[in-house]
N, C-alpha and C. Protein backbone atom coordinates (compact mmCIF):
# COMPACT_ATOMS: atom_id res chain seq x y z
N UNK A 1 -11.77 15.58 20.04
CA UNK A 1 -11.78 15.67 18.86
C UNK A 1 -13.32 15.80 18.09
N UNK A 2 -13.80 16.73 17.65
CA UNK A 2 -15.19 16.64 17.33
C UNK A 2 -15.91 15.75 16.52
N UNK A 3 -14.87 15.59 15.37
CA UNK A 3 -14.96 14.78 14.17
C UNK A 3 -14.02 14.36 13.53
N UNK A 4 -13.83 13.58 12.49
CA UNK A 4 -12.55 12.86 11.64
C UNK A 4 -12.07 13.78 11.07
N UNK A 5 -13.38 14.74 10.47
CA UNK A 5 -12.50 16.05 9.65
C UNK A 5 -11.67 16.73 10.43
N UNK A 6 -11.78 17.01 11.74
CA UNK A 6 -10.85 17.64 12.58
C UNK A 6 -9.38 17.10 12.60
N UNK A 7 -9.20 15.99 12.82
CA UNK A 7 -8.29 14.82 12.67
C UNK A 7 -7.55 15.03 11.52
N UNK A 8 -8.35 15.13 10.29
CA UNK A 8 -7.64 14.78 8.61
C UNK A 8 -7.05 16.43 8.69
N UNK A 9 -7.72 17.29 9.44
CA UNK A 9 -7.19 18.99 9.17
C UNK A 9 -5.69 18.94 9.85
N UNK A 10 -5.70 18.15 11.15
CA UNK A 10 -4.60 18.32 11.75
C UNK A 10 -3.37 17.90 11.22
N UNK A 11 -3.37 16.60 10.19
CA UNK A 11 -2.66 15.83 9.80
C UNK A 11 -1.65 17.03 8.62
N UNK A 12 -2.28 17.78 8.14
CA UNK A 12 -1.65 18.73 7.25
C UNK A 12 -0.74 19.58 8.04
N UNK A 13 -0.33 19.47 9.41
CA UNK A 13 0.47 20.37 10.27
C UNK A 13 1.69 19.85 10.30
N UNK A 14 1.91 18.61 9.58
CA UNK A 14 3.22 17.94 9.28
C UNK A 14 4.15 18.49 8.17
N UNK A 15 5.28 19.11 8.63
CA UNK A 15 6.01 19.77 7.87
C UNK A 15 6.81 18.86 6.64
N UNK A 16 6.49 17.55 6.79
CA UNK A 16 6.65 16.84 5.88
C UNK A 16 5.74 16.44 4.78
N UNK A 17 4.37 16.76 5.06
CA UNK A 17 3.52 16.34 4.18
C UNK A 17 3.51 17.27 2.69
N UNK A 18 3.02 16.68 1.56
CA UNK A 18 2.57 17.79 0.47
C UNK A 18 1.82 18.76 0.80
N UNK A 19 0.71 18.57 1.80
CA UNK A 19 -0.16 19.53 1.47
C UNK A 19 0.08 20.35 3.13
N UNK A 20 1.13 20.40 3.23
CA UNK A 20 1.68 21.14 4.46
C UNK A 20 0.85 22.51 4.61
N UNK A 21 0.08 23.10 6.02
CA UNK A 21 -0.17 24.46 6.43
C UNK A 21 0.34 24.11 7.43
N UNK A 22 1.08 25.67 7.81
CA UNK A 22 1.79 26.17 8.99
C UNK A 22 0.64 26.78 9.82
N UNK A 23 -0.22 25.80 10.60
CA UNK A 23 -1.23 26.32 11.56
C UNK A 23 -0.76 25.95 13.17
N UNK A 24 -1.13 26.82 13.89
CA UNK A 24 -0.81 26.12 15.01
C UNK A 24 -1.41 25.45 15.61
N UNK A 25 -1.16 24.34 16.45
CA UNK A 25 -1.90 23.46 16.92
C UNK A 25 -2.06 23.64 18.47
N UNK A 26 -3.32 23.43 18.85
CA UNK A 26 -3.42 23.83 19.93
C UNK A 26 -3.10 22.81 21.03
N UNK A 27 -2.76 22.89 22.34
CA UNK A 27 -2.51 21.90 23.27
C UNK A 27 -3.29 20.72 23.44
N UNK A 28 -4.68 21.08 23.13
CA UNK A 28 -5.65 19.60 23.37
C UNK A 28 -5.90 19.10 22.17
N UNK A 29 -5.54 19.70 21.10
CA UNK A 29 -5.42 18.87 20.03
C UNK A 29 -3.93 18.03 19.89
N UNK A 30 -3.13 18.72 20.30
CA UNK A 30 -1.77 17.51 20.32
C UNK A 30 -1.96 16.51 21.31
N UNK A 31 -2.52 16.85 22.54
CA UNK A 31 -3.01 15.78 23.41
C UNK A 31 -4.00 14.69 23.43
N UNK A 32 -4.79 14.89 22.03
CA UNK A 32 -5.65 14.19 21.53
C UNK A 32 -5.14 13.11 20.28
N UNK A 33 -4.06 13.94 19.68
CA UNK A 33 -3.48 13.15 18.76
C UNK A 33 -2.46 12.23 19.40
N UNK A 34 -1.69 12.39 20.57
CA UNK A 34 -1.30 11.59 21.27
C UNK A 34 -1.96 10.40 21.71
N UNK A 35 -3.48 10.84 22.26
CA UNK A 35 -4.06 9.70 22.81
C UNK A 35 -4.58 8.79 21.68
N UNK A 36 -4.73 9.28 20.37
CA UNK A 36 -5.10 8.33 19.35
C UNK A 36 -3.96 7.60 18.86
N UNK A 37 -2.88 8.06 19.03
CA UNK A 37 -1.60 7.28 18.65
C UNK A 37 -1.40 6.22 19.67
N UNK A 38 -1.55 6.12 21.10
CA UNK A 38 -1.76 5.32 21.87
C UNK A 38 -2.73 4.17 21.84
N UNK A 39 -3.99 4.53 21.66
CA UNK A 39 -5.24 3.63 21.33
C UNK A 39 -4.83 2.86 19.92
N UNK A 40 -4.02 3.43 18.93
CA UNK A 40 -4.11 2.75 17.70
C UNK A 40 -2.91 2.05 17.67
N UNK A 41 -1.70 2.14 18.79
CA UNK A 41 -0.78 1.15 18.86
C UNK A 41 -1.43 -0.03 19.54
N UNK A 42 -2.09 0.03 20.57
CA UNK A 42 -2.62 -0.83 21.31
C UNK A 42 -3.37 -1.67 20.23
N UNK A 43 -4.15 -1.21 19.49
CA UNK A 43 -4.84 -1.85 18.66
C UNK A 43 -3.83 -2.75 17.69
N UNK A 44 -3.04 -2.20 17.01
CA UNK A 44 -1.87 -3.00 16.06
C UNK A 44 -0.85 -3.43 16.52
N UNK A 45 -0.88 -3.47 17.80
CA UNK A 45 0.26 -4.19 18.96
C UNK A 45 0.50 -5.73 18.05
N UNK A 46 -0.52 -6.42 17.99
CA UNK A 46 0.05 -7.80 17.19
C UNK A 46 0.89 -7.83 16.07
N UNK A 47 0.32 -6.89 15.07
CA UNK A 47 1.15 -6.88 14.15
C UNK A 47 2.66 -6.27 14.06
N UNK A 48 2.47 -4.88 14.89
CA UNK A 48 3.52 -4.43 15.46
C UNK A 48 4.65 -5.67 15.59
N UNK A 49 4.30 -6.23 16.88
CA UNK A 49 5.20 -7.27 17.45
C UNK A 49 5.63 -8.21 16.23
N UNK A 50 4.83 -8.22 15.28
CA UNK A 50 5.01 -9.53 14.30
C UNK A 50 5.90 -9.10 13.32
N UNK A 51 5.93 -7.52 12.86
CA UNK A 51 6.94 -7.13 12.01
C UNK A 51 8.28 -6.84 12.67
N UNK A 52 8.23 -6.71 13.97
CA UNK A 52 9.48 -6.68 14.84
C UNK A 52 10.21 -8.00 14.92
N UNK A 53 9.32 -8.98 15.05
CA UNK A 53 10.13 -10.28 15.41
C UNK A 53 10.73 -10.89 13.85
N UNK A 54 9.81 -10.14 12.93
CA UNK A 54 10.24 -10.76 11.48
C UNK A 54 12.02 -10.55 10.79
N UNK A 55 12.07 -9.00 11.57
CA UNK A 55 13.20 -8.46 11.22
C UNK A 55 14.44 -9.24 11.85
N UNK A 56 14.17 -9.52 13.21
CA UNK A 56 15.10 -10.41 14.21
C UNK A 56 15.44 -11.69 13.49
N UNK A 57 14.78 -12.27 12.72
CA UNK A 57 15.03 -13.66 12.28
C UNK A 57 15.91 -13.52 10.97
N UNK A 58 17.04 -13.71 11.08
CA UNK A 58 18.03 -13.77 9.68
C UNK A 58 17.56 -14.96 8.72
N UNK A 59 17.33 -16.22 9.27
CA UNK A 59 16.81 -17.22 8.84
C UNK A 59 15.72 -17.00 7.70
N UNK A 60 14.90 -16.47 8.18
CA UNK A 60 13.33 -16.14 7.43
C UNK A 60 14.08 -15.03 6.23
N UNK A 61 13.58 -15.13 5.14
CA UNK A 61 13.70 -14.05 4.18
C UNK A 61 12.76 -12.74 4.70
N UNK A 62 12.18 -12.91 5.66
CA UNK A 62 11.39 -11.79 6.30
C UNK A 62 10.31 -11.15 5.26
N UNK A 63 9.36 -11.90 4.93
CA UNK A 63 8.59 -11.39 3.82
C UNK A 63 7.43 -10.32 4.72
N UNK A 64 7.19 -10.61 5.48
CA UNK A 64 6.49 -9.32 6.65
C UNK A 64 7.50 -8.29 6.59
N UNK A 65 8.65 -8.37 6.75
CA UNK A 65 9.24 -7.05 7.06
C UNK A 65 9.18 -6.29 5.72
N UNK A 66 9.61 -7.19 4.95
CA UNK A 66 9.46 -6.73 3.30
C UNK A 66 8.38 -5.94 2.81
N UNK A 67 6.96 -6.55 3.15
CA UNK A 67 5.79 -6.06 2.82
C UNK A 67 5.59 -4.84 3.45
N UNK A 68 6.02 -4.95 4.89
CA UNK A 68 5.68 -3.56 5.76
C UNK A 68 6.51 -2.42 5.19
N UNK A 69 7.84 -2.61 4.71
CA UNK A 69 8.69 -1.74 4.67
C UNK A 69 8.28 -1.03 3.25
N UNK A 70 7.93 -2.13 2.08
CA UNK A 70 7.54 -1.74 0.99
C UNK A 70 6.51 -0.92 0.96
N UNK A 71 5.29 -1.20 1.89
CA UNK A 71 4.12 -0.24 2.09
C UNK A 71 4.61 0.94 2.55
N UNK A 72 5.33 1.04 3.42
CA UNK A 72 6.04 2.47 4.01
C UNK A 72 6.46 3.47 3.20
N UNK A 73 7.47 2.72 2.35
CA UNK A 73 8.06 3.43 1.31
C UNK A 73 6.77 4.07 0.21
N UNK A 74 5.68 3.10 -0.06
CA UNK A 74 5.14 3.71 -1.10
C UNK A 74 3.97 4.83 -0.36
N UNK A 75 3.62 4.86 1.09
CA UNK A 75 2.82 6.04 1.57
C UNK A 75 4.01 7.23 1.86
N UNK A 76 4.89 6.91 1.95
CA UNK A 76 5.69 8.18 2.10
C UNK A 76 5.63 9.01 0.71
N UNK A 77 5.90 8.16 -0.48
CA UNK A 77 5.96 8.64 -1.82
C UNK A 77 4.74 9.22 -2.39
N UNK A 78 3.54 8.66 -1.78
CA UNK A 78 2.25 9.22 -1.85
C UNK A 78 1.78 10.13 -1.16
N UNK A 79 2.41 10.48 0.02
CA UNK A 79 1.82 11.51 0.95
C UNK A 79 2.61 12.88 1.48
N UNK A 80 3.99 12.53 1.36
CA UNK A 80 5.15 13.30 1.64
C UNK A 80 5.58 14.08 0.67
N UNK A 81 6.40 15.20 0.88
CA UNK A 81 7.03 15.96 -0.16
C UNK A 81 8.42 15.44 -0.48
N UNK A 82 8.66 14.56 -1.14
CA UNK A 82 9.74 13.75 -1.73
C UNK A 82 11.26 14.87 -2.05
N UNK A 83 10.59 15.84 -2.14
CA UNK A 83 11.98 16.89 -2.42
C UNK A 83 12.59 17.31 -1.23
N UNK A 84 11.99 17.05 0.11
CA UNK A 84 12.58 17.34 1.14
C UNK A 84 13.64 16.63 1.81
N UNK A 85 14.91 17.09 2.18
CA UNK A 85 15.63 16.06 2.62
C UNK A 85 15.57 14.92 3.56
N UNK A 86 14.63 15.84 4.64
CA UNK A 86 14.35 14.34 5.57
C UNK A 86 13.37 13.61 5.04
N UNK A 87 12.55 13.81 4.16
CA UNK A 87 11.64 12.80 3.50
C UNK A 87 13.06 11.90 2.69
N UNK A 88 13.89 12.56 2.20
CA UNK A 88 14.71 11.71 1.22
C UNK A 88 15.59 10.42 2.22
N UNK A 89 15.95 10.97 3.47
CA UNK A 89 16.40 10.08 4.16
C UNK A 89 15.66 8.97 4.60
N UNK A 90 14.43 9.19 4.68
CA UNK A 90 13.41 8.30 5.24
C UNK A 90 13.23 6.95 3.96
N UNK A 91 13.50 7.91 2.45
CA UNK A 91 13.21 6.95 1.47
C UNK A 91 14.57 6.11 1.03
N UNK A 92 15.75 6.46 1.59
CA UNK A 92 17.06 5.90 1.81
C UNK A 92 16.91 4.48 2.35
N UNK A 93 16.78 3.39 1.29
CA UNK A 93 16.70 2.07 1.89
C UNK A 93 17.58 1.58 2.80
N UNK A 94 19.05 2.06 2.71
CA UNK A 94 20.14 1.75 3.66
C UNK A 94 19.97 2.32 4.80
N UNK A 95 19.46 3.47 5.30
CA UNK A 95 19.23 4.18 6.34
C UNK A 95 17.79 4.12 7.26
N UNK A 96 16.71 3.48 6.39
CA UNK A 96 15.39 4.01 7.25
C UNK A 96 15.24 2.69 7.98
N UNK A 97 15.89 1.42 7.83
CA UNK A 97 15.37 0.51 8.79
C UNK A 97 15.49 0.92 10.14
N UNK A 98 16.56 1.81 10.62
CA UNK A 98 16.84 2.19 11.59
C UNK A 98 15.62 3.03 12.16
N UNK A 99 15.17 3.76 11.33
CA UNK A 99 13.99 4.80 11.69
C UNK A 99 12.94 4.25 11.80
N UNK A 100 12.86 3.38 11.16
CA UNK A 100 11.24 2.40 11.11
C UNK A 100 11.33 1.28 12.51
N UNK A 101 12.68 0.96 12.62
CA UNK A 101 12.40 0.13 13.90
C UNK A 101 11.98 0.55 15.09
N UNK A 102 13.08 1.77 15.59
CA UNK A 102 12.75 2.85 16.42
C UNK A 102 11.55 3.01 16.60
N UNK A 103 10.76 3.41 15.53
CA UNK A 103 9.13 3.96 15.54
C UNK A 103 8.28 2.66 15.88
N UNK A 104 8.75 2.08 15.39
CA UNK A 104 7.99 0.47 15.70
C UNK A 104 8.21 0.12 17.26
N UNK A 105 9.32 0.33 17.61
CA UNK A 105 9.63 0.04 18.96
C UNK A 105 8.76 1.13 20.34
N UNK A 106 8.98 2.37 20.01
CA UNK A 106 8.38 3.25 20.34
C UNK A 106 6.69 3.18 20.48
N UNK A 107 6.21 2.74 19.30
CA UNK A 107 4.75 2.70 19.43
C UNK A 107 4.30 1.35 20.28
N UNK A 108 5.17 0.15 20.28
CA UNK A 108 4.94 -1.21 20.99
C UNK A 108 5.05 -0.52 22.22
N UNK A 109 5.79 -0.01 22.89
CA UNK A 109 5.96 0.41 24.17
C UNK A 109 4.32 1.30 25.15
N UNK A 110 4.12 1.93 23.81
CA UNK A 110 3.00 2.47 24.18
C UNK A 110 1.62 1.64 24.75
N UNK A 111 1.52 0.38 24.39
CA UNK A 111 0.51 -0.24 24.81
C UNK A 111 0.35 -0.60 26.10
N UNK A 112 1.06 -0.15 27.00
CA UNK A 112 0.61 -0.50 28.45
C UNK A 112 -0.43 0.60 29.03
N UNK A 113 -0.67 0.13 30.36
CA UNK A 113 -1.45 1.32 30.92
C UNK A 113 -0.80 2.49 31.13
N UNK A 114 0.48 2.93 31.12
CA UNK A 114 0.94 4.10 31.20
C UNK A 114 1.73 4.42 29.63
N UNK A 115 1.07 3.51 28.77
CA UNK A 115 1.33 4.04 27.28
C UNK A 115 1.17 5.81 26.81
N UNK A 116 0.26 6.20 27.38
CA UNK A 116 -0.08 7.51 27.15
C UNK A 116 1.36 8.56 27.89
N UNK A 117 1.20 8.30 29.09
CA UNK A 117 2.57 8.93 29.67
C UNK A 117 4.20 8.75 29.17
N UNK A 118 4.34 7.52 28.62
CA UNK A 118 5.41 7.13 27.95
C UNK A 118 5.47 8.07 26.74
N UNK A 119 4.53 7.93 25.94
CA UNK A 119 4.40 8.88 24.74
C UNK A 119 4.63 10.46 25.15
N UNK A 120 4.25 10.91 25.91
CA UNK A 120 4.38 12.18 26.37
C UNK A 120 5.64 12.38 26.60
N UNK A 121 6.32 11.54 27.62
CA UNK A 121 7.76 11.79 27.92
C UNK A 121 8.59 11.62 26.72
N UNK A 122 8.45 10.54 25.79
CA UNK A 122 9.55 10.54 24.54
C UNK A 122 9.43 11.83 24.13
N UNK A 123 8.15 12.25 23.46
CA UNK A 123 7.92 13.52 22.86
C UNK A 123 8.76 14.68 23.32
N UNK A 124 8.47 14.98 24.89
CA UNK A 124 9.10 15.99 25.14
C UNK A 124 10.41 15.88 25.96
N UNK A 125 11.29 15.04 25.99
CA UNK A 125 12.58 15.21 26.08
C UNK A 125 13.51 14.74 24.87
């Protein structure tokens, strides 16, 4: 990626976003986005782990999980097309926990030395 603007423009290729533009992503750009995701998951791993652990603790009111879930919903409302059925599924409080947990688990598995390969395998299987 030559600069941050290029990364910013690539985000608009997500069909769930409000500002969706149907551009073809080159294989090199897709590969770079995966590498960025893996590096960010390494950086955020302590936070991801804390969120997942807070969800497992039934005694605790799970303040961390509730804060994360609230922020997740806020970001979706702010940036995604809320008229889309797939986005509405993400906003559904009863069903989105499973999606969020699965996403966090996938990101947490990407922190190893083979994290890039794990992410590639997950995306292409």
